[in-house]
């Protein structure tokens, strides 16, 4: 793991021209992939490399009010806007195609593709002699919203194309590594995400807007999609504290209605919609517990973030979550509402246990998942790919 790797001296790399695609837009934190692309690209620019990110056009997944200004440069990263058909199901396909085409035709040493759907076109840059690196952020075709749909077929197709045409593949957890070895006989590189040390933010906005104080609520923060397991949390939640469900809806409008039906008549359950910036910092900073009841994950960035704020975290016992927490968090049996209820009751009745967990979490996670090391290792891989003939 990353924790075991000795910290290498910063090496003198040759300057590389790098293209990144597969994300929606930076600097918008519409999902984990956008955070990863921005963190890596900004650090690579600081090391003197030239990085171009291909942004989709179209609107923010959580709605127009979250739009960010259309920039051509951000933190030294060059931004290209690619044509996108802003229709459900077509935005990802069209933006990935045009981004892959632009990367294929542009002056890049390495083309770094993020996620399995966009990998469907990674033969294009390869056809034009580019070196292609793919990061698999999770087995996206298995997500509930794609079950039995064209989306699932397409993402699976992207996975197969990526396995065949990417020069090197990065995975974020060991189960995906095993999967690629078993299914495609491909060796992959385990390079997880990183996390930054945040500053504690006292409860000012959240007090004004939602009446929340330090330690007065449990927090779920993430996209509101079925595989995140929020319905388990709504069913298991019985306490005098509040439950804050913070997250935007992404293509699953029906699911938010299911959640609101579960929460009907219970004014302790708050839905805040998509949160960003200071509001998000305050929610992370002041929670009694952070709960991520997912049935399926790639590498849960919200869990890394929650731990970096020193939260006591409760997750389902899937390896993608337990691998992150180690013995610095608590797990319940995936999908088992009764077990989640039992665990929440135990932690609510033992504040000292929660306090004890909070005391060590941030240092542990920041040492284990460090963006500086993640960037170094990714650049090492680029070098390797570039010099391989």
Protein backbone atom coordinates (compact mmCIF):
# COMPACT_ATOMS: atom_id res chain seq x y z
CA UNK A 1 0.00 0.00 0.00
CA UNK A 2 0.92 3.64 -0.23
CA UNK A 3 1.61 3.80 3.48
CA UNK A 4 4.41 1.25 3.16
CA UNK A 5 6.21 3.01 0.34
CA UNK A 6 9.17 5.06 1.59
CA UNK A 7 8.94 8.73 0.72
CA UNK A 8 11.20 9.16 -2.26
CA UNK A 9 13.11 12.32 -2.95
CA UNK A 10 11.36 14.35 -5.62
CA UNK A 11 12.90 13.13 -8.84
CA UNK A 12 13.95 15.29 -11.73
CA UNK A 13 11.47 14.31 -14.41
CA UNK A 14 11.62 15.36 -18.02
CA UNK A 15 8.84 17.87 -18.61
CA UNK A 16 5.76 16.12 -19.97
CA UNK A 17 2.69 17.28 -21.86
CA UNK A 18 -0.26 15.52 -20.28
CA UNK A 19 -3.92 15.34 -21.34
CA UNK A 20 -6.66 14.33 -18.88
CA UNK A 21 -10.19 13.35 -19.82
CA UNK A 22 -13.17 11.44 -18.47
CA UNK A 23 -14.19 13.96 -15.80
CA UNK A 24 -17.17 16.30 -16.18
CA UNK A 25 -15.68 19.71 -15.38
CA UNK A 26 -13.02 21.18 -13.16
CA UNK A 27 -13.08 23.13 -10.87
CA UNK A 28 -16.55 21.77 -10.06
CA UNK A 29 -16.71 19.09 -7.40
CA UNK A 30 -19.53 17.22 -9.13
CA UNK A 31 -18.10 13.89 -8.08
CA UNK A 32 -14.98 12.14 -6.84
CA UNK A 33 -13.38 11.97 -10.29
CA UNK A 34 -13.41 15.76 -10.64
CA UNK A 35 -11.58 16.12 -7.32
CA UNK A 36 -8.95 13.54 -8.34
CA UNK A 37 -8.33 15.14 -11.75
CA UNK A 38 -7.97 18.60 -10.23
CA UNK A 39 -5.65 17.49 -7.40
CA UNK A 40 -3.35 15.52 -9.72
CA UNK A 41 -3.31 18.09 -12.52
CA UNK A 42 -2.58 21.04 -10.20
CA UNK A 43 0.32 19.21 -8.54
CA UNK A 44 1.77 18.14 -11.87
CA UNK A 45 1.65 21.75 -13.06
CA UNK A 46 3.52 22.79 -9.88
CA UNK A 47 6.24 20.31 -10.84
CA UNK A 48 6.60 22.04 -14.22
CA UNK A 49 4.52 19.73 -16.42
CA UNK A 50 2.01 21.03 -18.92
CA UNK A 51 -1.46 19.64 -18.21
CA UNK A 52 -4.59 20.06 -20.31
CA UNK A 53 -7.98 18.95 -18.97
CA UNK A 54 -10.87 18.38 -21.36
CA UNK A 55 -14.05 19.72 -19.74
CA UNK A 56 -17.59 18.92 -20.87
CA UNK A 57 -19.86 21.74 -21.84
CA UNK A 58 -23.43 21.56 -20.56
CA UNK A 59 -24.74 22.14 -17.06
CA UNK A 60 -23.68 21.02 -13.59
CA UNK A 61 -25.24 17.66 -12.59
CA UNK A 62 -26.92 19.25 -9.57
CA UNK A 63 -28.47 22.11 -11.54
CA UNK A 64 -27.77 25.52 -13.04
CA UNK A 65 -27.22 27.31 -9.73
CA UNK A 66 -23.97 25.35 -9.19
CA UNK A 67 -22.45 26.38 -12.51
CA UNK A 68 -18.86 27.49 -12.34
CA UNK A 69 -17.47 30.16 -14.58
CA UNK A 70 -16.15 28.84 -17.88
CA UNK A 71 -12.37 29.19 -17.52
CA UNK A 72 -9.57 28.56 -19.99
CA UNK A 73 -7.04 28.17 -17.22
CA UNK A 74 -7.31 27.20 -13.58
CA UNK A 75 -4.44 26.71 -11.09
CA UNK A 76 -2.11 26.64 -14.10
CA UNK A 77 -4.07 23.82 -15.76
CA UNK A 78 -5.10 24.49 -19.36
CA UNK A 79 -8.80 23.82 -19.90
CA UNK A 80 -10.34 22.83 -23.22
CA UNK A 81 -14.12 22.71 -23.57
CA UNK A 82 -15.31 19.85 -25.77
CA UNK A 83 -18.63 19.61 -27.63
CA UNK A 84 -21.23 17.76 -25.55
CA UNK A 85 -24.80 16.71 -26.31
CA UNK A 86 -26.31 17.67 -22.98
CA UNK A 87 -28.93 14.90 -22.94
CA UNK A 88 -29.22 12.14 -20.37
CA UNK A 89 -27.08 9.21 -21.51
CA UNK A 90 -25.38 11.17 -24.31
CA UNK A 91 -23.35 13.78 -22.40
CA UNK A 92 -20.70 11.30 -21.23
CA UNK A 93 -20.45 9.48 -24.57
CA UNK A 94 -20.18 12.59 -26.75
CA UNK A 95 -17.80 14.51 -24.47
CA UNK A 96 -15.54 11.42 -24.12
CA UNK A 97 -15.43 10.94 -27.88
CA UNK A 98 -14.53 14.57 -28.65
CA UNK A 99 -12.02 14.72 -25.77
CA UNK A 100 -10.35 11.50 -26.98
CA UNK A 101 -10.21 12.85 -30.52
CA UNK A 102 -8.69 16.17 -29.37
CA UNK A 103 -6.17 14.30 -27.18
CA UNK A 104 -5.30 12.01 -30.11
CA UNK A 105 -4.62 14.96 -32.41
CA UNK A 106 -2.90 17.20 -29.82
CA UNK A 107 0.79 17.38 -28.86
CA UNK A 108 0.64 15.13 -25.75
CA UNK A 109 3.15 12.64 -24.34
CA UNK A 110 0.60 10.93 -22.13
CA UNK A 111 -3.19 10.77 -22.30
CA UNK A 112 -4.71 9.92 -18.90
CA UNK A 113 -8.29 8.63 -19.18
CA UNK A 114 -10.44 8.54 -16.04
CA UNK A 115 -13.26 5.98 -15.58
CA UNK A 116 -14.53 3.03 -17.59
CA UNK A 117 -17.16 4.73 -19.77
CA UNK A 118 -14.68 7.23 -21.30
CA UNK A 119 -12.22 4.34 -21.85
CA UNK A 120 -14.46 3.22 -24.75
CA UNK A 121 -12.50 5.66 -26.94
CA UNK A 122 -8.99 5.12 -25.61
CA UNK A 123 -8.05 3.29 -28.84
CA UNK A 124 -8.26 6.70 -30.55
CA UNK A 125 -5.25 8.38 -28.87
CA UNK A 126 -3.39 5.06 -29.12
CA UNK A 127 -4.08 4.89 -32.86
CA UNK A 128 -2.30 8.25 -33.17
CA UNK A 129 0.75 7.00 -31.28
CA UNK A 130 -0.10 8.48 -27.86
CA UNK A 131 0.73 6.68 -24.61
CA UNK A 132 -2.51 5.95 -22.77
CA UNK A 133 -2.97 5.50 -19.01
CA UNK A 134 -6.40 4.56 -17.65
CA UNK A 135 -7.62 4.99 -14.06
CA UNK A 136 -10.51 2.69 -13.17
CA UNK A 137 -12.35 4.56 -10.40
CA UNK A 138 -14.71 1.65 -9.79
CA UNK A 139 -16.65 -1.01 -11.69
CA UNK A 140 -19.27 1.51 -12.74
CA UNK A 141 -21.40 -0.86 -14.82
CA UNK A 142 -22.41 -2.62 -11.56
CA UNK A 143 -24.10 0.53 -10.20
CA UNK A 144 -27.85 0.33 -9.58
CA UNK A 145 -28.70 3.20 -11.88
CA UNK A 146 -27.27 1.31 -14.88
CA UNK A 147 -28.74 -2.16 -14.10
CA UNK A 148 -29.80 -3.89 -17.32
CA UNK A 149 -29.52 -0.70 -19.35
CA UNK A 150 -27.57 0.52 -22.38
CA UNK A 151 -25.45 2.46 -19.85
CA UNK A 152 -24.33 -0.76 -18.18
CA UNK A 153 -23.49 -2.38 -21.54
CA UNK A 154 -21.61 0.73 -22.68
CA UNK A 155 -19.54 1.06 -19.49
CA UNK A 156 -18.72 -2.67 -19.61
CA UNK A 157 -17.70 -2.19 -23.24
CA UNK A 158 -15.47 0.72 -22.16
CA UNK A 159 -13.86 -1.53 -19.55
CA UNK A 160 -13.04 -4.17 -22.20
CA UNK A 161 -11.64 -1.54 -24.60
CA UNK A 162 -9.55 -0.05 -21.78
CA UNK A 163 -8.22 -3.45 -20.77
CA UNK A 164 -7.15 -4.01 -24.35
CA UNK A 165 -5.82 -0.60 -25.43
CA UNK A 166 -4.55 1.30 -22.38
CA UNK A 167 -0.77 0.92 -21.98
CA UNK A 168 -1.11 0.94 -18.18
CA UNK A 169 -4.09 0.77 -15.82
CA UNK A 170 -4.35 2.35 -12.36
CA UNK A 171 -6.84 0.95 -9.83
CA UNK A 172 -7.92 2.44 -6.50
CA UNK A 173 -8.48 -0.74 -4.51
CA UNK A 174 -7.24 -4.31 -4.32
CA UNK A 175 -10.53 -5.95 -5.28
CA UNK A 176 -10.48 -4.17 -8.67
CA UNK A 177 -6.87 -5.29 -9.07
CA UNK A 178 -7.93 -8.92 -8.55
CA UNK A 179 -10.87 -8.45 -10.93
CA UNK A 180 -8.63 -7.23 -13.79
CA UNK A 181 -6.17 -10.06 -13.19
CA UNK A 182 -8.93 -12.70 -13.23
CA UNK A 183 -11.07 -11.37 -16.08
CA UNK A 184 -8.52 -9.77 -18.43
CA UNK A 185 -5.20 -11.26 -17.24
CA UNK A 186 -3.98 -7.68 -16.86
CA UNK A 187 -1.65 -6.51 -14.15
CA UNK A 188 -2.65 -3.09 -12.83
CA UNK A 189 -1.07 -0.48 -10.55
CA UNK A 190 -2.63 0.20 -7.16
CA UNK A 191 -2.44 3.98 -6.63
CA UNK A 192 -5.30 5.14 -4.38
CA UNK A 193 -6.62 8.69 -4.06
CA UNK A 194 -5.16 11.19 -1.63
CA UNK A 195 -6.63 13.71 0.76
CA UNK A 196 -5.64 17.17 2.03
CA UNK A 197 -5.54 18.35 5.64
CA UNK A 198 -8.48 20.69 6.11
CA UNK A 199 -8.92 23.41 8.71
CA UNK A 200 -11.68 22.95 11.30
CA UNK A 201 -14.66 25.20 10.53
CA UNK A 202 -16.91 26.20 13.47
CA UNK A 203 -20.69 25.81 12.96
CA UNK A 204 -21.78 29.23 11.72
CA UNK A 205 -23.54 28.75 8.37
CA UNK A 206 -25.00 25.42 9.45
CA UNK A 207 -26.31 26.93 12.69
CA UNK A 208 -27.97 29.77 10.79
CA UNK A 209 -29.37 27.63 8.03
CA UNK A 210 -30.18 24.31 9.70
CA UNK A 211 -29.91 24.92 13.47
CA UNK A 212 -26.95 22.51 13.77
CA UNK A 213 -24.30 22.59 16.53
CA UNK A 214 -21.05 20.67 17.02
CA UNK A 215 -21.86 16.98 17.59
CA UNK A 216 -25.61 17.43 17.20
CA UNK A 217 -26.05 15.39 14.01
CA UNK A 218 -25.02 12.34 11.99
CA UNK A 219 -23.83 13.09 8.46
CA UNK A 220 -24.13 11.37 5.10
CA UNK A 221 -22.43 13.27 2.28
CA UNK A 222 -22.34 11.98 -1.26
CA UNK A 223 -24.38 11.52 -4.42
CA UNK A 224 -27.92 10.36 -3.72
CA UNK A 225 -27.88 7.12 -5.70
CA UNK A 226 -29.18 3.71 -4.55
CA UNK A 227 -25.78 2.04 -4.26
CA UNK A 228 -24.70 4.54 -1.57
CA UNK A 229 -27.23 2.84 0.72
CA UNK A 230 -28.81 5.97 2.17
CA UNK A 231 -32.15 4.15 2.49
CA UNK A 232 -30.52 1.78 5.02
CA UNK A 233 -29.52 4.82 7.05
CA UNK A 234 -32.99 6.41 6.97
CA UNK A 235 -34.49 3.12 8.13
CA UNK A 236 -31.92 2.54 10.89
CA UNK A 237 -31.89 6.09 12.23
CA UNK A 238 -33.71 6.41 15.58
CA UNK A 239 -32.09 8.98 17.87
CA UNK A 240 -32.52 12.42 19.37
CA UNK A 241 -29.71 13.75 17.17
CA UNK A 242 -30.41 14.97 13.66
CA UNK A 243 -29.48 13.21 10.45
CA UNK A 244 -28.09 15.38 7.65
CA UNK A 245 -28.25 13.95 4.15
CA UNK A 246 -26.08 16.20 2.00
CA UNK A 247 -25.82 15.48 -1.68
CA UNK A 248 -27.15 16.21 -5.13
CA UNK A 249 -29.28 13.92 -7.22
CA UNK A 250 -27.55 12.40 -10.22
CA UNK A 251 -29.89 10.81 -12.82
CA UNK A 252 -31.89 9.08 -10.05
CA UNK A 253 -34.73 11.49 -9.27
CA UNK A 254 -36.92 8.56 -8.21
CA UNK A 255 -34.46 7.60 -5.50
CA UNK A 256 -34.63 10.95 -3.68
CA UNK A 257 -38.42 10.50 -3.57
CA UNK A 258 -37.93 7.07 -1.96
CA UNK A 259 -35.66 8.66 0.67
CA UNK A 260 -38.06 11.51 1.34
CA UNK A 261 -40.89 9.00 1.77
CA UNK A 262 -38.78 7.10 4.33
CA UNK A 263 -38.10 10.38 6.17
CA UNK A 264 -41.69 11.65 5.95
CA UNK A 265 -42.98 13.07 9.22
CA UNK A 266 -39.51 12.99 10.82
CA UNK A 267 -38.23 16.56 11.13
CA UNK A 268 -34.86 15.34 12.44
CA UNK A 269 -33.86 14.20 8.94
CA UNK A 270 -32.58 17.12 6.85
CA UNK A 271 -31.93 17.07 3.12
CA UNK A 272 -29.54 19.88 2.21
CA UNK A 273 -29.14 19.16 -1.55
CA UNK A 274 -25.65 19.48 -3.12
CA UNK A 275 -23.18 21.27 -0.80
CA UNK A 276 -19.81 22.78 -1.55
CA UNK A 277 -17.28 25.22 -0.13
CA UNK A 278 -17.74 26.59 3.40
CA UNK A 279 -21.02 24.76 4.00
CA UNK A 280 -19.41 21.42 3.21
CA UNK A 281 -16.41 22.22 5.47
CA UNK A 282 -18.71 23.02 8.38
CA UNK A 283 -20.80 19.88 7.91
CA UNK A 284 -17.67 17.68 7.92
CA UNK A 285 -16.13 19.60 10.84
CA UNK A 286 -19.01 19.30 13.31
CA UNK A 287 -20.62 15.87 12.80
CA UNK A 288 -21.00 13.40 15.68
CA UNK A 289 -20.62 10.51 13.22
CA UNK A 290 -20.07 10.27 9.48
CA UNK A 291 -22.03 7.38 7.95
CA UNK A 292 -21.37 5.80 4.54
CA UNK A 293 -23.69 2.78 4.21
CA UNK A 294 -22.70 1.93 0.60
CA UNK A 295 -23.45 -1.37 -1.09
CA UNK A 296 -20.89 -0.56 -3.80
CA UNK A 297 -17.86 1.77 -3.95
CA UNK A 298 -14.70 2.37 -5.96
CA UNK A 299 -12.57 4.47 -3.66
CA UNK A 300 -14.92 6.57 -1.50
CA UNK A 301 -13.48 10.08 -1.53
CA UNK A 302 -16.15 11.35 0.87
CA UNK A 303 -14.86 8.80 3.40
CA UNK A 304 -11.27 10.03 2.99
CA UNK A 305 -12.49 13.61 3.38
CA UNK A 306 -14.61 12.81 6.43
CA UNK A 307 -11.63 11.08 8.09
CA UNK A 308 -9.31 13.98 7.22
CA UNK A 309 -11.62 16.19 9.33
CA UNK A 310 -11.16 13.73 12.21
CA UNK A 311 -14.61 12.16 12.02
CA UNK A 312 -15.62 8.90 13.62
CA UNK A 313 -16.85 6.95 10.58
CA UNK A 314 -19.39 4.18 10.23
CA UNK A 315 -19.35 2.23 6.94
CA UNK A 316 -20.68 -0.98 5.46
CA UNK A 317 -18.17 -3.85 5.62
CA UNK A 318 -17.33 -3.84 1.89
CA UNK A 319 -13.53 -4.06 1.37
CA UNK A 320 -13.42 -0.68 -0.45
CA UNK A 321 -14.51 0.98 2.83
CA UNK A 322 -12.82 -1.21 5.44
CA UNK A 323 -9.51 -0.95 3.54
CA UNK A 324 -9.67 2.84 3.93
CA UNK A 325 -10.67 2.89 7.62
CA UNK A 326 -8.41 0.12 8.89
CA UNK A 327 -9.08 -0.06 12.63
CA UNK A 328 -9.96 3.66 12.76
CA UNK A 329 -13.67 3.27 12.04
CA UNK A 330 -16.68 1.02 12.61
CA UNK A 331 -18.36 -1.33 10.12
CA UNK A 332 -21.75 -3.00 9.93
CA UNK A 333 -22.85 -5.84 7.69
CA UNK A 334 -23.60 -4.49 4.19
CA UNK A 335 -27.32 -4.04 3.53
CA UNK A 336 -28.26 -5.11 7.07
CA UNK A 337 -30.40 -2.31 8.53
CA UNK A 338 -30.72 -4.03 11.92
CA UNK A 339 -26.95 -4.29 12.25
CA UNK A 340 -26.52 -0.62 11.30
CA UNK A 341 -29.16 0.36 13.87
CA UNK A 342 -27.34 -1.68 16.54
CA UNK A 343 -24.00 -0.03 15.74
CA UNK A 344 -25.45 3.51 15.71
CA UNK A 345 -27.14 2.94 19.08
CA UNK A 346 -23.87 1.64 20.53
CA UNK A 347 -21.91 4.68 19.33
CA UNK A 348 -24.59 7.14 20.40
CA UNK A 349 -24.54 5.71 23.92
CA UNK A 350 -20.72 5.76 24.13
CA UNK A 351 -19.48 9.29 23.33
CA UNK A 352 -16.05 8.48 24.82
CA UNK A 353 -15.55 5.73 22.25
CA UNK A 354 -16.43 8.21 19.50
CA UNK A 355 -14.07 10.84 20.96
CA UNK A 356 -11.28 8.28 21.15
CA UNK A 357 -11.76 7.36 17.49
CA UNK A 358 -11.80 11.03 16.43
CA UNK A 359 -8.49 11.73 18.18
CA UNK A 360 -6.39 9.60 15.81
CA UNK A 361 -8.36 9.46 12.55
CA UNK A 362 -7.03 12.53 10.74
CA UNK A 363 -3.32 11.80 11.27
CA UNK A 364 -3.82 8.18 10.25
CA UNK A 365 -5.63 8.98 7.00
CA UNK A 366 -3.34 11.85 5.98
CA UNK A 367 -0.30 9.67 6.37
CA UNK A 368 -1.89 6.77 4.51
CA UNK A 369 -3.37 8.72 1.59
CA UNK A 370 -1.15 11.59 0.64
CA UNK A 371 -1.70 13.55 -2.61
CA UNK A 372 2.02 14.36 -2.87
CA UNK A 373 2.91 10.67 -2.93
CA UNK A 374 -0.02 9.82 -5.22
CA UNK A 375 1.20 12.44 -7.73
CA UNK A 376 4.81 11.17 -7.56
CA UNK A 377 3.70 7.61 -8.22
CA UNK A 378 1.44 8.62 -11.10
CA UNK A 379 4.30 10.61 -12.71
CA UNK A 380 6.61 7.61 -12.25
CA UNK A 381 4.10 5.53 -14.17
CA UNK A 382 3.88 8.18 -16.93
CA UNK A 383 7.68 8.08 -17.24
CA UNK A 384 7.60 4.30 -17.47
CA UNK A 385 4.88 4.37 -20.14
CA UNK A 386 6.63 7.09 -22.10
CA UNK A 387 10.00 5.34 -22.19
CA UNK A 388 8.57 1.86 -22.94
CA UNK A 389 8.73 1.05 -26.57
